[in-house]
Amino acid sequence: MNRVIPLVLFCALLAACAAPQQRVALPSAPPPGEPGNVAGLRADQLRVAFGEPAFVRKDAGTELWRYDSAACKAFFFLYSDGGAMVVRHVETLPRGQDIAADSNCLSGLLLKKSVPVS
């Protein structure tokens, strides 16, 4: 009897693991293309144009800089290029119609940076 209980528990555990997994569909990929006024900017140029990012993540030669406004968020993906970090991809939430970055969002972030804080 003492051996039966662990065997029953083991079988129940195996049955639970064998339950079918529910698949979740991935969202569609953003449209290709980069805004011409930000693609290729160096990190120092990006900082001058948009100010300090709200969030920075660094991973092995790449960086993600996030800028926030009340209306949107912009994500700048920088990659090492000859010792300098350079913008290679930009996305916004919400996305643009024709490319992954919405120009209205980026313009709003530029205006936000240029407004003096009192």
PDB file of N, CA and C in Angstrom:
ATOM      1  N   MET A   1       0.814  -1.191   0.000  1.00  0.00           N
ATOM      2  CA  MET A   1       0.000   0.000   0.000  1.00  0.00           C
ATOM      3  C   MET A   1       0.862   1.261   0.000  1.00  0.00           C
ATOM      4  N   ASN A   2       2.001   1.207   0.725  1.00  0.00           N
ATOM      5  CA  ASN A   2       2.880   2.365   0.801  1.00  0.00           C
ATOM      6  C   ASN A   2       3.491   2.701  -0.558  1.00  0.00           C
ATOM      7  N   ARG A   3       3.642   1.729  -1.429  1.00  0.00           N
ATOM      8  CA  ARG A   3       4.204   1.965  -2.760  1.00  0.00           C
ATOM      9  C   ARG A   3       3.155   2.438  -3.752  1.00  0.00           C
ATOM     10  N   VAL A   4       1.915   2.156  -3.496  1.00  0.00           N
ATOM     11  CA  VAL A   4       0.844   2.498  -4.426  1.00  0.00           C
ATOM     12  C   VAL A   4       0.607   4.014  -4.456  1.00  0.00           C
ATOM     13  N   ILE A   5       0.619   4.654  -3.329  1.00  0.00           N
ATOM     14  CA  ILE A   5       0.336   6.092  -3.257  1.00  0.00           C
ATOM     15  C   ILE A   5       1.358   6.895  -4.055  1.00  0.00           C
ATOM     16  N   PRO A   6       2.676   6.686  -3.874  1.00  0.00           N
ATOM     17  CA  PRO A   6       3.629   7.446  -4.697  1.00  0.00           C
ATOM     18  C   PRO A   6       3.465   7.156  -6.193  1.00  0.00           C
ATOM     19  N   LEU A   7       3.125   5.911  -6.539  1.00  0.00           N
ATOM     20  CA  LEU A   7       2.934   5.561  -7.940  1.00  0.00           C
ATOM     21  C   LEU A   7       1.727   6.287  -8.525  1.00  0.00           C
ATOM     22  N   VAL A   8       0.642   6.376  -7.781  1.00  0.00           N
ATOM     23  CA  VAL A   8      -0.558   7.082  -8.234  1.00  0.00           C
ATOM     24  C   VAL A   8      -0.249   8.566  -8.388  1.00  0.00           C
ATOM     25  N   LEU A   9       0.463   9.173  -7.445  1.00  0.00           N
ATOM     26  CA  LEU A   9       0.836  10.582  -7.530  1.00  0.00           C
ATOM     27  C   LEU A   9       1.732  10.840  -8.737  1.00  0.00           C
ATOM     28  N   PHE A  10       2.669   9.944  -8.976  1.00  0.00           N
ATOM     29  CA  PHE A  10       3.567  10.081 -10.124  1.00  0.00           C
ATOM     30  C   PHE A  10       2.784  10.030 -11.434  1.00  0.00           C
ATOM     31  N   CYS A  11       1.842   9.106 -11.544  1.00  0.00           N
ATOM     32  CA  CYS A  11       1.022   8.991 -12.756  1.00  0.00           C
ATOM     33  C   CYS A  11       0.153  10.237 -12.943  1.00  0.00           C
ATOM     34  N   ALA A  12      -0.385  10.785 -11.850  1.00  0.00           N
ATOM     35  CA  ALA A  12      -1.193  11.999 -11.945  1.00  0.00           C
ATOM     36  C   ALA A  12      -0.341  13.176 -12.418  1.00  0.00           C
ATOM     37  N   LEU A  13       0.889  13.257 -11.941  1.00  0.00           N
ATOM     38  CA  LEU A  13       1.811  14.311 -12.365  1.00  0.00           C
ATOM     39  C   LEU A  13       2.136  14.182 -13.854  1.00  0.00           C
ATOM     40  N   LEU A  14       2.388  12.976 -14.309  1.00  0.00           N
ATOM     41  CA  LEU A  14       2.653  12.753 -15.732  1.00  0.00           C
ATOM     42  C   LEU A  14       1.438  13.124 -16.584  1.00  0.00           C
ATOM     43  N   ALA A  15       0.257  12.806 -16.129  1.00  0.00           N
ATOM     44  CA  ALA A  15      -0.958  13.133 -16.887  1.00  0.00           C
ATOM     45  C   ALA A  15      -1.142  14.645 -16.978  1.00  0.00           C
ATOM     46  N   ALA A  16      -0.807  15.353 -15.919  1.00  0.00           N
ATOM     47  CA  ALA A  16      -0.938  16.814 -15.940  1.00  0.00           C
ATOM     48  C   ALA A  16       0.054  17.433 -16.913  1.00  0.00           C
ATOM     49  N   CYS A  17       1.236  16.865 -17.012  1.00  0.00           N
ATOM     50  CA  CYS A  17       2.248  17.374 -17.937  1.00  0.00           C
ATOM     51  C   CYS A  17       1.872  17.105 -19.391  1.00  0.00           C
ATOM     52  N   ALA A  18       1.093  16.077 -19.619  1.00  0.00           N
ATOM     53  CA  ALA A  18       0.740  15.699 -20.982  1.00  0.00           C
ATOM     54  C   ALA A  18      -0.457  16.475 -21.515  1.00  0.00           C
ATOM     55  N   ALA A  19      -1.006  17.395 -20.733  1.00  0.00           N
ATOM     56  CA  ALA A  19      -2.158  18.178 -21.194  1.00  0.00           C
ATOM     57  C   ALA A  19      -1.750  19.008 -22.408  1.00  0.00           C
ATOM     58  N   PRO A  20      -2.659  19.174 -23.366  1.00  0.00           N
ATOM     59  CA  PRO A  20      -2.313  19.942 -24.574  1.00  0.00           C
ATOM     60  C   PRO A  20      -1.995  21.397 -24.224  1.00  0.00           C
ATOM     61  N   GLN A  21      -0.970  21.925 -24.865  1.00  0.00           N
ATOM     62  CA  GLN A  21      -0.549  23.307 -24.647  1.00  0.00           C
ATOM     63  C   GLN A  21      -1.356  24.241 -25.538  1.00  0.00           C
ATOM     64  N   GLN A  22      -1.823  25.331 -24.973  1.00  0.00           N
ATOM     65  CA  GLN A  22      -2.552  26.321 -25.758  1.00  0.00           C
ATOM     66  C   GLN A  22      -1.535  27.214 -26.456  1.00  0.00           C
ATOM     67  N   ARG A  23      -1.706  27.423 -27.752  1.00  0.00           N
ATOM     68  CA  ARG A  23      -0.793  28.255 -28.527  1.00  0.00           C
ATOM     69  C   ARG A  23      -1.343  29.674 -28.607  1.00  0.00           C
ATOM     70  N   VAL A  24      -0.432  30.620 -28.468  1.00  0.00           N
ATOM     71  CA  VAL A  24      -0.794  32.028 -28.564  1.00  0.00           C
ATOM     72  C   VAL A  24      -0.163  32.582 -29.829  1.00  0.00           C
ATOM     73  N   ALA A  25      -0.959  33.234 -30.649  1.00  0.00           N
ATOM     74  CA  ALA A  25      -0.457  33.794 -31.907  1.00  0.00           C
ATOM     75  C   ALA A  25       0.400  35.022 -31.613  1.00  0.00           C
ATOM     76  N   LEU A  26       1.517  35.130 -32.304  1.00  0.00           N
ATOM     77  CA  LEU A  26       2.370  36.299 -32.175  1.00  0.00           C
ATOM     78  C   LEU A  26       1.764  37.462 -32.950  1.00  0.00           C
ATOM     79  N   PRO A  27       1.998  38.684 -32.476  1.00  0.00           N
ATOM     80  CA  PRO A  27       1.489  39.828 -33.248  1.00  0.00           C
ATOM     81  C   PRO A  27       2.226  39.939 -34.566  1.00  0.00           C
ATOM     82  N   SER A  28       1.617  40.608 -35.524  1.00  0.00           N
ATOM     83  CA  SER A  28       2.256  40.750 -36.823  1.00  0.00           C
ATOM     84  C   SER A  28       3.491  41.635 -36.705  1.00  0.00           C
ATOM     85  N   ALA A  29       4.425  41.438 -37.598  1.00  0.00           N
ATOM     86  CA  ALA A  29       5.665  42.211 -37.595  1.00  0.00           C
ATOM     87  C   ALA A  29       5.373  43.649 -38.006  1.00  0.00           C
ATOM     88  N   PRO A  30       6.161  44.600 -37.490  1.00  0.00           N
ATOM     89  CA  PRO A  30       5.946  45.989 -37.904  1.00  0.00           C
ATOM     90  C   PRO A  30       6.333  46.170 -39.361  1.00  0.00           C
ATOM     91  N   PRO A  31       5.775  47.179 -40.013  1.00  0.00           N
ATOM     92  CA  PRO A  31       6.156  47.444 -41.399  1.00  0.00           C
ATOM     93  C   PRO A  31       7.633  47.805 -41.489  1.00  0.00           C
ATOM     94  N   PRO A  32       8.324  47.450 -42.568  1.00  0.00           N
ATOM     95  CA  PRO A  32       9.747  47.754 -42.689  1.00  0.00           C
ATOM     96  C   PRO A  32       9.981  49.233 -42.960  1.00  0.00           C
ATOM     97  N   GLY A  33      11.214  49.662 -42.760  1.00  0.00           N
ATOM     98  CA  GLY A  33      11.594  51.042 -43.051  1.00  0.00           C
ATOM     99  C   GLY A  33      11.942  51.812 -41.798  1.00  0.00           C
ATOM    100  N   GLU A  34      12.747  52.825 -41.956  1.00  0.00           N
ATOM    101  CA  GLU A  34      13.181  53.658 -40.844  1.00  0.00           C
ATOM    102  C   GLU A  34      12.941  55.125 -41.177  1.00  0.00           C
ATOM    103  N   PRO A  35      12.550  55.922 -40.197  1.00  0.00           N
ATOM    104  CA  PRO A  35      12.430  57.355 -40.452  1.00  0.00           C
ATOM    105  C   PRO A  35      13.797  57.933 -40.825  1.00  0.00           C
ATOM    106  N   GLY A  36      13.841  58.687 -41.890  1.00  0.00           N
ATOM    107  CA  GLY A  36      15.110  59.212 -42.383  1.00  0.00           C
ATOM    108  C   GLY A  36      15.801  60.172 -41.444  1.00  0.00           C
ATOM    109  N   ASN A  37      15.044  60.854 -40.586  1.00  0.00           N
ATOM    110  CA  ASN A  37      15.672  61.843 -39.725  1.00  0.00           C
ATOM    111  C   ASN A  37      16.303  61.267 -38.464  1.00  0.00           C
ATOM    112  N   VAL A  38      16.085  59.986 -38.166  1.00  0.00           N
ATOM    113  CA  VAL A  38      16.688  59.406 -36.966  1.00  0.00           C
ATOM    114  C   VAL A  38      17.574  58.197 -37.262  1.00  0.00           C
ATOM    115  N   ALA A  39      17.351  57.515 -38.364  1.00  0.00           N
ATOM    116  CA  ALA A  39      18.184  56.359 -38.703  1.00  0.00           C
ATOM    117  C   ALA A  39      19.603  56.832 -38.947  1.00  0.00           C
ATOM    118  N   GLY A  40      20.546  56.182 -38.288  1.00  0.00           N
ATOM    119  CA  GLY A  40      21.945  56.527 -38.455  1.00  0.00           C
ATOM    120  C   GLY A  40      22.478  57.538 -37.450  1.00  0.00           C
ATOM    121  N   LEU A  41      21.609  58.067 -36.566  1.00  0.00           N
ATOM    122  CA  LEU A  41      22.095  58.993 -35.540  1.00  0.00           C
ATOM    123  C   LEU A  41      23.002  58.275 -34.554  1.00  0.00           C
ATOM    124  N   ARG A  42      24.061  58.945 -34.149  1.00  0.00           N
ATOM    125  CA  ARG A  42      24.911  58.419 -33.073  1.00  0.00           C
ATOM    126  C   ARG A  42      24.204  58.660 -31.737  1.00  0.00           C
ATOM    127  N   ALA A  43      24.621  57.954 -30.715  1.00  0.00           N
ATOM    128  CA  ALA A  43      23.999  58.065 -29.397  1.00  0.00           C
ATOM    129  C   ALA A  43      24.038  59.494 -28.883  1.00  0.00           C
ATOM    130  N   ASP A  44      25.146  60.195 -29.072  1.00  0.00           N
ATOM    131  CA  ASP A  44      25.230  61.572 -28.589  1.00  0.00           C
ATOM    132  C   ASP A  44      24.264  62.481 -29.346  1.00  0.00           C
ATOM    133  N   GLN A  45      24.076  62.251 -30.637  1.00  0.00           N
ATOM    134  CA  GLN A  45      23.123  63.044 -31.422  1.00  0.00           C
ATOM    135  C   GLN A  45      21.684  62.753 -30.993  1.00  0.00           C
ATOM    136  N   LEU A  46      21.393  61.487 -30.702  1.00  0.00           N
ATOM    137  CA  LEU A  46      20.060  61.102 -30.243  1.00  0.00           C
ATOM    138  C   LEU A  46      19.751  61.788 -28.919  1.00  0.00           C
ATOM    139  N   ARG A  47      20.729  61.809 -28.021  1.00  0.00           N
ATOM    140  CA  ARG A  47      20.545  62.442 -26.720  1.00  0.00           C
ATOM    141  C   ARG A  47      20.312  63.954 -26.866  1.00  0.00           C
ATOM    142  N   VAL A  48      21.024  64.602 -27.781  1.00  0.00           N
ATOM    143  CA  VAL A  48      20.817  66.035 -28.016  1.00  0.00           C
ATOM    144  C   VAL A  48      19.408  66.279 -28.569  1.00  0.00           C
ATOM    145  N   ALA A  49      18.964  65.435 -29.492  1.00  0.00           N
ATOM    146  CA  ALA A  49      17.666  65.626 -30.139  1.00  0.00           C
ATOM    147  C   ALA A  49      16.493  65.308 -29.215  1.00  0.00           C
ATOM    148  N   PHE A  50      16.586  64.226 -28.434  1.00  0.00           N
ATOM    149  CA  PHE A  50      15.444  63.761 -27.645  1.00  0.00           C
ATOM    150  C   PHE A  50      15.630  63.875 -26.141  1.00  0.00           C
ATOM    151  N   GLY A  51      16.818  64.232 -25.684  1.00  0.00           N
ATOM    152  CA  GLY A  51      17.066  64.310 -24.251  1.00  0.00           C
ATOM    153  C   GLY A  51      17.450  62.963 -23.672  1.00  0.00           C
ATOM    154  N   GLU A  52      17.345  62.857 -22.365  1.00  0.00           N
ATOM    155  CA  GLU A  52      17.670  61.611 -21.682  1.00  0.00           C
ATOM    156  C   GLU A  52      16.535  60.611 -21.853  1.00  0.00           C
ATOM    157  N   PRO A  53      16.852  59.368 -22.189  1.00  0.00           N
ATOM    158  CA  PRO A  53      15.786  58.362 -22.328  1.00  0.00           C
ATOM    159  C   PRO A  53      15.181  58.009 -20.971  1.00  0.00           C
ATOM    160  N   ALA A  54      13.935  57.567 -20.995  1.00  0.00           N
ATOM    161  CA  ALA A  54      13.257  57.122 -19.787  1.00  0.00           C
ATOM    162  C   ALA A  54      13.795  55.767 -19.327  1.00  0.00           C
ATOM    163  N   PHE A  55      14.331  54.992 -20.281  1.00  0.00           N
ATOM    164  CA  PHE A  55      14.812  53.642 -19.973  1.00  0.00           C
ATOM    165  C   PHE A  55      15.910  53.293 -20.956  1.00  0.00           C
ATOM    166  N   VAL A  56      16.966  52.621 -20.466  1.00  0.00           N
ATOM    167  CA  VAL A  56      18.056  52.134 -21.323  1.00  0.00           C
ATOM    168  C   VAL A  56      18.332  50.683 -20.952  1.00  0.00           C
ATOM    169  N   ARG A  57      18.466  49.847 -21.973  1.00  0.00           N
ATOM    170  CA  ARG A  57      18.856  48.454 -21.767  1.00  0.00           C
ATOM    171  C   ARG A  57      20.059  48.183 -22.647  1.00  0.00           C
ATOM    172  N   LYS A  58      21.106  47.583 -22.063  1.00  0.00           N
ATOM    173  CA  LYS A  58      22.327  47.278 -22.804  1.00  0.00           C
ATOM    174  C   LYS A  58      22.537  45.769 -22.835  1.00  0.00           C
ATOM    175  N   ASP A  59      22.798  45.255 -24.046  1.00  0.00           N
ATOM    176  CA  ASP A  59      23.033  43.822 -24.245  1.00  0.00           C
ATOM    177  C   ASP A  59      24.114  43.627 -25.298  1.00  0.00           C
ATOM    178  N   ALA A  60      25.288  43.215 -24.913  1.00  0.00           N
ATOM    179  CA  ALA A  60      26.352  42.770 -25.821  1.00  0.00           C
ATOM    180  C   ALA A  60      26.427  43.536 -27.138  1.00  0.00           C
ATOM    181  N   GLY A  61      26.801  44.795 -27.077  1.00  0.00           N
ATOM    182  CA  GLY A  61      26.986  45.571 -28.299  1.00  0.00           C
ATOM    183  C   GLY A  61      25.727  46.198 -28.862  1.00  0.00           C
ATOM    184  N   THR A  62      24.610  46.073 -28.152  1.00  0.00           N
ATOM    185  CA  THR A  62      23.369  46.710 -28.583  1.00  0.00           C
ATOM    186  C   THR A  62      22.764  47.455 -27.393  1.00  0.00           C
ATOM    187  N   GLU A  63      21.983  48.469 -27.700  1.00  0.00           N
ATOM    188  CA  GLU A  63      21.272  49.201 -26.660  1.00  0.00           C
ATOM    189  C   GLU A  63      19.862  49.513 -27.133  1.00  0.00           C
ATOM    190  N   LEU A  64      18.935  49.536 -26.200  1.00  0.00           N
ATOM    191  CA  LEU A  64      17.557  49.954 -26.448  1.00  0.00           C
ATOM    192  C   LEU A  64      17.328  51.189 -25.598  1.00  0.00           C
ATOM    193  N   TRP A  65      16.927  52.280 -26.248  1.00  0.00           N
ATOM    194  CA  TRP A  65      16.571  53.508 -25.542  1.00  0.00           C
ATOM    195  C   TRP A  65      15.089  53.734 -25.738  1.00  0.00           C
ATOM    196  N   ARG A  66      14.362  53.959 -24.637  1.00  0.00           N
ATOM    197  CA  ARG A  66      12.926  54.211 -24.711  1.00  0.00           C
ATOM    198  C   ARG A  66      12.629  55.640 -24.260  1.00  0.00           C
ATOM    199  N   TYR A  67      11.808  56.322 -25.036  1.00  0.00           N
ATOM    200  CA  TYR A  67      11.334  57.655 -24.706  1.00  0.00           C
ATOM    201  C   TYR A  67       9.822  57.591 -24.563  1.00  0.00           C
ATOM    202  N   ASP A  68       9.285  58.283 -23.550  1.00  0.00           N
ATOM    203  CA  ASP A  68       7.861  58.230 -23.258  1.00  0.00           C
ATOM    204  C   ASP A  68       7.218  59.606 -23.361  1.00  0.00           C
ATOM    205  N   SER A  69       5.994  59.620 -23.847  1.00  0.00           N
ATOM    206  CA  SER A  69       5.137  60.808 -23.759  1.00  0.00           C
ATOM    207  C   SER A  69       3.758  60.309 -23.349  1.00  0.00           C
ATOM    208  N   ALA A  70       2.850  61.218 -23.114  1.00  0.00           N
ATOM    209  CA  ALA A  70       1.492  60.807 -22.743  1.00  0.00           C
ATOM    210  C   ALA A  70       0.802  60.080 -23.894  1.00  0.00           C
ATOM    211  N   ALA A  71       1.186  60.417 -25.136  1.00  0.00           N
ATOM    212  CA  ALA A  71       0.517  59.860 -26.310  1.00  0.00           C
ATOM    213  C   ALA A  71       1.178  58.603 -26.867  1.00  0.00           C
ATOM    214  N   CYS A  72       2.475  58.424 -26.632  1.00  0.00           N
ATOM    215  CA  CYS A  72       3.163  57.296 -27.272  1.00  0.00           C
ATOM    216  C   CYS A  72       4.484  56.987 -26.578  1.00  0.00           C
ATOM    217  N   LYS A  73       5.095  55.910 -27.033  1.00  0.00           N
ATOM    218  CA  LYS A  73       6.438  55.506 -26.599  1.00  0.00           C
ATOM    219  C   LYS A  73       7.260  55.255 -27.856  1.00  0.00           C
ATOM    220  N   ALA A  74       8.539  55.644 -27.794  1.00  0.00           N
ATOM    221  CA  ALA A  74       9.438  55.401 -28.924  1.00  0.00           C
ATOM    222  C   ALA A  74      10.593  54.531 -28.437  1.00  0.00           C
ATOM    223  N   PHE A  75      10.960  53.545 -29.249  1.00  0.00           N
ATOM    224  CA  PHE A  75      12.037  52.609 -28.929  1.00  0.00           C
ATOM    225  C   PHE A  75      13.114  52.740 -29.997  1.00  0.00           C
ATOM    226  N   PHE A  76      14.305  53.151 -29.588  1.00  0.00           N
ATOM    227  CA  PHE A  76      15.432  53.306 -30.493  1.00  0.00           C
ATOM    228  C   PHE A  76      16.401  52.150 -30.237  1.00  0.00           C
ATOM    229  N   PHE A  77      16.743  51.417 -31.285  1.00  0.00           N
ATOM    230  CA  PHE A  77      17.662  50.288 -31.189  1.00  0.00           C
ATOM    231  C   PHE A  77      19.002  50.736 -31.760  1.00  0.00           C
ATOM    232  N   LEU A  78      20.017  50.773 -30.905  1.00  0.00           N
ATOM    233  CA  LEU A  78      21.347  51.228 -31.295  1.00  0.00           C
ATOM    234  C   LEU A  78      22.296  50.043 -31.328  1.00  0.00           C
ATOM    235  N   TYR A  79      23.181  50.038 -32.320  1.00  0.00           N
ATOM    236  CA  TYR A  79      24.160  48.972 -32.481  1.00  0.00           C
ATOM    237  C   TYR A  79      25.542  49.595 -32.589  1.00  0.00           C
ATOM    238  N   SER A  80      26.533  48.864 -32.138  1.00  0.00           N
ATOM    239  CA  SER A  80      27.908  49.325 -32.211  1.00  0.00           C
ATOM    240  C   SER A  80      28.356  49.401 -33.670  1.00  0.00           C
ATOM    241  N   ASP A  81      28.968  50.541 -34.020  1.00  0.00           N
ATOM    242  CA  ASP A  81      29.444  50.758 -35.391  1.00  0.00           C
ATOM    243  C   ASP A  81      30.751  51.534 -35.308  1.00  0.00           C
ATOM    244  N   GLY A  82      31.858  50.830 -35.369  1.00  0.00           N
ATOM    245  CA  GLY A  82      33.160  51.485 -35.306  1.00  0.00           C
ATOM    246  C   GLY A  82      33.410  52.177 -33.982  1.00  0.00           C
ATOM    247  N   GLY A  83      32.934  51.621 -32.899  1.00  0.00           N
ATOM    248  CA  GLY A  83      33.150  52.194 -31.583  1.00  0.00           C
ATOM    249  C   GLY A  83      32.048  53.129 -31.118  1.00  0.00           C
ATOM    250  N   ALA A  84      31.177  53.569 -32.007  1.00  0.00           N
ATOM    251  CA  ALA A  84      30.061  54.443 -31.631  1.00  0.00           C
ATOM    252  C   ALA A  84      28.761  53.652 -31.699  1.00  0.00           C
ATOM    253  N   MET A  85      27.822  53.997 -30.836  1.00  0.00           N
ATOM    254  CA  MET A  85      26.492  53.394 -30.881  1.00  0.00           C
ATOM    255  C   MET A  85      25.650  54.213 -31.862  1.00  0.00           C
ATOM    256  N   VAL A  86      25.008  53.513 -32.822  1.00  0.00           N
ATOM    257  CA  VAL A  86      24.278  54.165 -33.907  1.00  0.00           C
ATOM    258  C   VAL A  86      22.863  53.587 -33.982  1.00  0.00           C
ATOM    259  N   VAL A  87      21.869  54.469 -34.209  1.00  0.00           N
ATOM    260  CA  VAL A  87      20.476  54.036 -34.352  1.00  0.00           C
ATOM    261  C   VAL A  87      20.331  53.252 -35.649  1.00  0.00           C
ATOM    262  N   ARG A  88      19.842  52.018 -35.537  1.00  0.00           N
ATOM    263  CA  ARG A  88      19.610  51.173 -36.710  1.00  0.00           C
ATOM    264  C   ARG A  88      18.137  50.842 -36.905  1.00  0.00           C
ATOM    265  N   HIS A  89      17.330  51.008 -35.847  1.00  0.00           N
ATOM    266  CA  HIS A  89      15.909  50.696 -35.969  1.00  0.00           C
ATOM    267  C   HIS A  89      15.138  51.524 -34.952  1.00  0.00           C
ATOM    268  N   VAL A  90      13.928  51.946 -35.331  1.00  0.00           N
ATOM    269  CA  VAL A  90      13.056  52.733 -34.463  1.00  0.00           C
ATOM    270  C   VAL A  90      11.641  52.173 -34.566  1.00  0.00           C
ATOM    271  N   GLU A  91      10.992  52.012 -33.424  1.00  0.00           N
ATOM    272  CA  GLU A  91       9.583  51.614 -33.385  1.00  0.00           C
ATOM    273  C   GLU A  91       8.861  52.519 -32.408  1.00  0.00           C
ATOM    274  N   THR A  92       7.577  52.728 -32.659  1.00  0.00           N
ATOM    275  CA  THR A  92       6.752  53.474 -31.722  1.00  0.00           C
ATOM    276  C   THR A  92       5.504  52.671 -31.398  1.00  0.00           C
ATOM    277  N   LEU A  93       4.938  52.970 -30.256  1.00  0.00           N
ATOM    278  CA  LEU A  93       3.629  52.448 -29.874  1.00  0.00           C
ATOM    279  C   LEU A  93       2.748  53.638 -29.615  1.00  0.00           C
ATOM    280  N   PRO A  94       1.707  53.870 -30.364  1.00  0.00           N
ATOM    281  CA  PRO A  94       1.248  53.052 -31.481  1.00  0.00           C
ATOM    282  C   PRO A  94       2.178  53.164 -32.691  1.00  0.00           C
ATOM    283  N   ARG A  95       2.084  52.187 -33.577  1.00  0.00           N
ATOM    284  CA  ARG A  95       2.927  52.140 -34.772  1.00  0.00           C
ATOM    285  C   ARG A  95       2.448  53.114 -35.828  1.00  0.00           C
ATOM    286  N   GLY A  96       3.355  53.375 -36.757  1.00  0.00           N
ATOM    287  CA  GLY A  96       3.003  54.202 -37.906  1.00  0.00           C
ATOM    288  C   GLY A  96       2.212  53.403 -38.925  1.00  0.00           C
ATOM    289  N   GLN A  97       1.690  54.076 -39.922  1.00  0.00           N
ATOM    290  CA  GLN A  97       0.920  53.405 -40.967  1.00  0.00           C
ATOM    291  C   GLN A  97       1.817  52.687 -41.968  1.00  0.00           C
ATOM    292  N   ASP A  98       2.899  53.343 -42.384  1.00  0.00           N
ATOM    293  CA  ASP A  98       3.749  52.805 -43.447  1.00  0.00           C
ATOM    294  C   ASP A  98       5.050  52.199 -42.945  1.00  0.00           C
ATOM    295  N   ILE A  99       5.495  52.604 -41.769  1.00  0.00           N
ATOM    296  CA  ILE A  99       6.720  52.071 -41.176  1.00  0.00           C
ATOM    297  C   ILE A  99       6.479  51.850 -39.691  1.00  0.00           C
ATOM    298  N   ALA A 100       7.419  51.229 -39.029  1.00  0.00           N
ATOM    299  CA  ALA A 100       7.248  50.851 -37.631  1.00  0.00           C
ATOM    300  C   ALA A 100       7.210  52.040 -36.688  1.00  0.00           C
ATOM    301  N   ALA A 101       7.714  53.187 -37.122  1.00  0.00           N
ATOM    302  CA  ALA A 101       7.741  54.368 -36.261  1.00  0.00           C
ATOM    303  C   ALA A 101       6.761  55.417 -36.777  1.00  0.00           C
ATOM    304  N   ASP A 102       5.942  55.924 -35.872  1.00  0.00           N
ATOM    305  CA  ASP A 102       4.970  56.959 -36.218  1.00  0.00           C
ATOM    306  C   ASP A 102       5.651  58.324 -36.146  1.00  0.00           C
ATOM    307  N   SER A 103       5.639  59.069 -37.241  1.00  0.00           N
ATOM    308  CA  SER A 103       6.326  60.358 -37.291  1.00  0.00           C
ATOM    309  C   SER A 103       5.702  61.370 -36.334  1.00  0.00           C
ATOM    310  N   ASN A 104       4.395  61.291 -36.095  1.00  0.00           N
ATOM    311  CA  ASN A 104       3.753  62.196 -35.143  1.00  0.00           C
ATOM    312  C   ASN A 104       4.261  61.965 -33.728  1.00  0.00           C
ATOM    313  N   CYS A 105       4.485  60.716 -33.370  1.00  0.00           N
ATOM    314  CA  CYS A 105       5.026  60.386 -32.054  1.00  0.00           C
ATOM    315  C   CYS A 105       6.428  60.975 -31.913  1.00  0.00           C
ATOM    316  N   LEU A 106       7.281  60.735 -32.916  1.00  0.00           N
ATOM    317  CA  LEU A 106       8.660  61.237 -32.852  1.00  0.00           C
ATOM    318  C   LEU A 106       8.681  62.764 -32.808  1.00  0.00           C
ATOM    319  N   SER A 107       7.826  63.409 -33.581  1.00  0.00           N
ATOM    320  CA  SER A 107       7.751  64.874 -33.562  1.00  0.00           C
ATOM    321  C   SER A 107       7.302  65.367 -32.191  1.00  0.00           C
ATOM    322  N   GLY A 108       6.338  64.684 -31.595  1.00  0.00           N
ATOM    323  CA  GLY A 108       5.875  65.057 -30.263  1.00  0.00           C
ATOM    324  C   GLY A 108       6.953  64.933 -29.214  1.00  0.00           C
ATOM    325  N   LEU A 109       7.782  63.905 -29.337  1.00  0.00           N
ATOM    326  CA  LEU A 109       8.880  63.731 -28.382  1.00  0.00           C
ATOM    327  C   LEU A 109       9.934  64.817 -28.561  1.00  0.00           C
ATOM    328  N   LEU A 110      10.162  65.235 -29.806  1.00  0.00           N
ATOM    329  CA  LEU A 110      11.095  66.336 -30.050  1.00  0.00           C
ATOM    330  C   LEU A 110      10.557  67.627 -29.453  1.00  0.00           C
ATOM    331  N   LEU A 111       9.270  67.889 -29.626  1.00  0.00           N
ATOM    332  CA  LEU A 111       8.653  69.103 -29.066  1.00  0.00           C
ATOM    333  C   LEU A 111       8.686  69.065 -27.548  1.00  0.00           C
ATOM    334  N   LYS A 112       8.444  67.890 -26.970  1.00  0.00           N
ATOM    335  CA  LYS A 112       8.459  67.729 -25.519  1.00  0.00           C
ATOM    336  C   LYS A 112       9.825  68.107 -24.964  1.00  0.00           C
ATOM    337  N   LYS A 113      10.877  67.727 -25.671  1.00  0.00           N
ATOM    338  CA  LYS A 113      12.226  68.004 -25.219  1.00  0.00           C
ATOM    339  C   LYS A 113      12.528  69.489 -25.315  1.00  0.00           C
ATOM    340  N   SER A 114      11.974  70.174 -26.330  1.00  0.00           N
ATOM    341  CA  SER A 114      12.317  71.572 -26.550  1.00  0.00           C
ATOM    342  C   SER A 114      11.509  72.531 -25.672  1.00  0.00           C
ATOM    343  N   VAL A 115      10.452  72.032 -24.998  1.00  0.00           N
ATOM    344  CA  VAL A 115       9.647  72.880 -24.134  1.00  0.00           C
ATOM    345  C   VAL A 115      10.380  73.071 -22.810  1.00  0.00           C
ATOM    346  N   PRO A 116      10.675  74.334 -22.402  1.00  0.00           N
ATOM    347  CA  PRO A 116      11.390  74.540 -21.137  1.00  0.00           C
ATOM    348  C   PRO A 116      10.527  74.156 -19.949  1.00  0.00           C
ATOM    349  N   VAL A 117      11.173  73.602 -18.952  1.00  0.00           N
ATOM    350  CA  VAL A 117      10.485  73.213 -17.718  1.00  0.00           C
ATOM    351  C   VAL A 117      10.576  74.383 -16.760  1.00  0.00           C
ATOM    352  N   SER A 118       9.431  74.832 -16.207  1.00  0.00           N
ATOM    353  CA  SER A 118       9.454  75.969 -15.282  1.00  0.00           C
ATOM    354  C   SER A 118       9.403  75.523 -13.843  1.00  0.00           C
TER     355      SER A 118
END
